């Protein structure tokens, strides 16, 4: 594998949307990057400490029920829903795109991916664009990590 710093960087939501339309299956992972992750090819359940058989990732592929709605809005929501992970997982964590094969599901029903192929980093500006796209929708929404009582 090439060094993580040599991965291309997508800098716009439109560029990421085009990538998702051309590559299947496509996932986003929020971590310190492929160099770290591919050394062990396993994620750990934060609650129990159990090692899982693959990298925990979130799918970017559009579901059929989305029909002819804008792919960019789909991708924006998928990024926005997990954008809290940058802050929760600590320094050096950032989103990157990968392809691979699902081998199971994690405790949050997220795919566990093996045969990973790193594709690109996602620039912080893409996350900002995703947030703006979600904010333009008429219904209130927020990332999955919501405060509640």
Protein backbone atom coordinates (compact mmCIF):
# COMPACT_ATOMS: atom_id res chain seq x y z
CA UNK A 1 0.00 0.00 0.00
CA UNK A 2 1.15 3.52 -0.62
CA UNK A 3 1.77 5.72 2.37
CA UNK A 4 -1.40 7.26 3.78
CA UNK A 5 -0.05 10.73 3.12
CA UNK A 6 0.10 9.79 -0.57
CA UNK A 7 -3.62 9.00 -0.82
CA UNK A 8 -5.50 11.54 -2.90
CA UNK A 9 -7.76 13.97 -1.07
CA UNK A 10 -11.32 14.74 -2.16
CA UNK A 11 -11.92 18.42 -1.55
CA UNK A 12 -15.58 18.91 -2.50
CA UNK A 13 -18.84 17.13 -1.85
CA UNK A 14 -19.39 16.95 -5.62
CA UNK A 15 -16.07 15.15 -6.08
CA UNK A 16 -16.94 12.64 -3.35
CA UNK A 17 -20.42 12.16 -4.83
CA UNK A 18 -18.88 11.32 -8.22
CA UNK A 19 -16.54 8.84 -6.56
CA UNK A 20 -19.42 7.11 -4.74
CA UNK A 21 -21.37 6.86 -8.00
CA UNK A 22 -18.41 5.13 -9.72
CA UNK A 23 -17.12 2.76 -7.00
CA UNK A 24 -19.17 0.09 -5.23
CA UNK A 25 -19.18 -0.78 -2.46
CA UNK A 26 -17.79 2.38 -0.89
CA UNK A 27 -17.41 3.11 2.82
CA UNK A 28 -16.17 5.92 5.03
CA UNK A 29 -14.03 5.19 8.06
CA UNK A 30 -13.16 7.69 10.79
CA UNK A 31 -9.71 6.79 12.11
CA UNK A 32 -6.03 7.69 12.03
CA UNK A 33 -5.85 6.21 8.54
CA UNK A 34 -5.11 3.16 6.45
CA UNK A 35 -1.51 2.76 7.58
CA UNK A 36 -2.67 2.25 11.16
CA UNK A 37 -5.82 0.28 10.34
CA UNK A 38 -4.38 -2.10 7.76
CA UNK A 39 -1.70 -3.23 10.18
CA UNK A 40 -4.36 -5.01 12.24
CA UNK A 41 -7.50 -5.18 10.02
CA UNK A 42 -9.70 -5.28 13.10
CA UNK A 43 -11.81 -2.83 15.05
CA UNK A 44 -12.48 -3.01 18.76
CA UNK A 45 -15.88 -2.61 20.38
CA UNK A 46 -15.45 0.42 22.64
CA UNK A 47 -17.89 -0.91 25.26
CA UNK A 48 -16.55 -4.43 25.74
CA UNK A 49 -13.05 -4.31 24.26
CA UNK A 50 -13.88 -7.26 22.00
CA UNK A 51 -11.92 -7.45 18.76
CA UNK A 52 -14.18 -7.56 15.70
CA UNK A 53 -13.43 -9.37 12.40
CA UNK A 54 -12.94 -6.35 10.16
CA UNK A 55 -12.77 -2.58 10.11
CA UNK A 56 -15.83 -0.75 11.34
CA UNK A 57 -17.01 1.55 8.56
CA UNK A 58 -20.13 3.31 7.32
CA UNK A 59 -21.55 2.66 3.85
CA UNK A 60 -21.73 5.51 1.37
CA UNK A 61 -23.59 3.60 -1.37
CA UNK A 62 -27.04 4.91 -2.21
CA UNK A 63 -29.94 2.60 -1.33
CA UNK A 64 -32.49 1.79 -4.06
CA UNK A 65 -35.36 3.35 -2.10
CA UNK A 66 -33.60 6.73 -2.44
CA UNK A 67 -34.65 6.51 -6.11
CA UNK A 68 -33.76 9.60 -8.17
CA UNK A 69 -33.12 11.95 -5.25
CA UNK A 70 -29.77 13.79 -5.23
CA UNK A 71 -26.83 11.48 -4.54
CA UNK A 72 -24.97 14.45 -3.05
CA UNK A 73 -27.58 14.83 -0.32
CA UNK A 74 -27.35 11.11 0.47
CA UNK A 75 -23.56 11.32 0.77
CA UNK A 76 -23.82 14.52 2.82
CA UNK A 77 -26.11 12.86 5.31
CA UNK A 78 -23.91 9.78 5.61
CA UNK A 79 -20.93 12.03 6.44
CA UNK A 80 -22.87 14.32 8.73
CA UNK A 81 -24.37 11.45 10.72
CA UNK A 82 -20.92 10.36 11.90
CA UNK A 83 -19.05 13.67 11.91
CA UNK A 84 -18.92 13.60 15.74
CA UNK A 85 -16.33 10.80 15.52
CA UNK A 86 -13.57 13.27 14.60
CA UNK A 87 -13.90 14.80 18.06
CA UNK A 88 -14.70 11.64 20.02
CA UNK A 89 -11.92 9.43 18.70
CA UNK A 90 -9.10 11.87 19.48
CA UNK A 91 -6.24 13.62 17.72
CA UNK A 92 -5.32 12.55 14.22
CA UNK A 93 -8.71 11.02 13.41
CA UNK A 94 -10.13 11.97 10.05
CA UNK A 95 -12.44 10.42 7.46
CA UNK A 96 -11.18 8.31 4.57
CA UNK A 97 -12.90 6.32 1.85
CA UNK A 98 -12.34 2.62 1.29
CA UNK A 99 -13.70 -0.26 -0.68
CA UNK A 100 -13.90 -3.81 0.59
CA UNK A 101 -16.05 -6.78 1.46
CA UNK A 102 -18.44 -6.96 4.40
CA UNK A 103 -17.70 -9.81 6.78
CA UNK A 104 -20.23 -9.04 9.49
CA UNK A 105 -21.83 -6.29 11.55
CA UNK A 106 -20.62 -4.46 14.62
CA UNK A 107 -22.68 -3.73 17.73
CA UNK A 108 -24.06 -0.51 16.19
CA UNK A 109 -25.07 -2.51 13.08
CA UNK A 110 -22.19 -0.99 11.14
CA UNK A 111 -20.50 -3.09 8.46
CA UNK A 112 -17.21 -4.77 9.34
CA UNK A 113 -15.06 -4.62 6.21
CA UNK A 114 -12.15 -6.82 5.07
CA UNK A 115 -10.15 -6.91 1.82
CA UNK A 116 -9.82 -3.17 2.29
CA UNK A 117 -8.69 -0.91 -0.52
CA UNK A 118 -7.95 2.67 0.58
CA UNK A 119 -9.32 5.18 -1.92
CA UNK A 120 -8.84 8.70 -0.57
CA UNK A 121 -8.91 11.08 2.38
CA UNK A 122 -11.90 13.39 2.83
CA UNK A 123 -10.99 17.03 3.36
CA UNK A 124 -12.56 18.86 6.30
CA UNK A 125 -14.25 21.22 3.83
CA UNK A 126 -16.31 18.30 2.50
CA UNK A 127 -17.67 17.74 6.02
CA UNK A 128 -18.51 21.45 6.21
CA UNK A 129 -20.32 21.18 2.84
CA UNK A 130 -22.20 18.12 4.12
CA UNK A 131 -23.29 20.02 7.23
CA UNK A 132 -24.51 22.92 5.07
CA UNK A 133 -26.46 20.53 2.80
CA UNK A 134 -28.17 18.95 5.80
CA UNK A 135 -28.87 22.37 7.34
CA UNK A 136 -30.68 23.43 4.13
CA UNK A 137 -33.26 20.66 4.59
CA UNK A 138 -36.62 21.64 6.02
CA UNK A 139 -36.60 19.13 8.88
CA UNK A 140 -34.42 19.36 11.97
CA UNK A 141 -31.67 16.78 12.12
CA UNK A 142 -28.29 16.27 13.67
CA UNK A 143 -25.42 13.81 13.80
CA UNK A 144 -26.21 10.45 15.39
CA UNK A 145 -24.55 11.50 18.64
CA UNK A 146 -27.41 13.58 19.96
CA UNK A 147 -27.86 14.86 23.47
CA UNK A 148 -30.99 13.52 25.06
CA UNK A 149 -32.67 12.99 28.34
